[in-house]
Protein backbone atom coordinates (compact mmCIF):
# COMPACT_ATOMS: atom_id res chain seq x y z
CA MET A 1 -18.37 2.61 8.95
CA GLU A 2 -14.73 2.99 9.90
CA SER A 3 -13.44 6.29 11.16
CA ASP A 4 -11.76 8.60 8.70
CA LYS A 5 -8.66 8.62 10.90
CA ILE A 6 -7.97 4.88 10.58
CA VAL A 7 -8.53 5.00 6.82
CA LYS A 8 -5.92 7.76 6.51
CA ILE A 9 -3.47 5.82 8.68
CA ARG A 10 -3.88 2.69 6.55
CA HIS A 11 -3.40 4.72 3.39
CA SER A 12 -0.17 6.21 4.74
CA LEU A 13 1.09 2.79 5.80
CA ALA A 14 0.44 1.45 2.30
CA HIS A 15 2.75 4.17 0.95
CA LEU A 16 5.43 3.26 3.50
CA LEU A 17 5.16 -0.41 2.54
CA ALA A 18 5.53 0.44 -1.15
CA SER A 19 8.55 2.59 -0.39
CA ALA A 20 10.20 -0.20 1.63
CA ILE A 21 9.56 -2.72 -1.17
CA MET A 22 11.08 -0.35 -3.75
CA GLU A 23 14.14 0.19 -1.57
CA SER A 24 14.68 -3.55 -1.10
CA TYR A 25 13.82 -4.50 -4.69
CA PRO A 26 14.55 -1.48 -6.94
CA LYS A 27 13.43 -3.20 -10.17
CA THR A 28 9.96 -3.88 -8.77
CA LYS A 29 7.01 -2.42 -10.65
CA LEU A 30 4.15 -1.53 -8.33
CA GLY A 31 0.51 -2.00 -9.18
CA ILE A 32 -2.75 -1.87 -7.29
CA GLY A 33 -3.57 -4.97 -5.27
CA ASN A 34 -6.73 -6.12 -3.53
CA ILE A 35 -8.88 -3.79 -1.52
CA GLU A 36 -8.88 -4.78 2.15
CA PHE A 37 -10.38 -2.76 4.93
CA GLY A 38 -11.27 0.02 2.48
CA CYS A 39 -7.66 0.62 1.47
CA LEU A 40 -5.96 -0.03 -1.88
CA LYS A 41 -2.65 -1.81 -1.41
CA PRO A 42 0.29 -1.34 -3.75
CA TRP A 43 1.83 -4.72 -4.52
CA PRO A 44 4.80 -5.81 -6.62
CA GLN A 45 4.02 -7.19 -10.03
CA THR A 46 6.04 -10.27 -10.94
């Protein structure tokens, strides 16, 4: 099982990615994407 530390880092990076997407594309609506490496990824809905 992966360490708790890497899971927390991936979770934080997912938030940063979502924030960057929203800044670049303000009309984007975020949803929950696929689960990879034990982390839910926010992804733009088109």
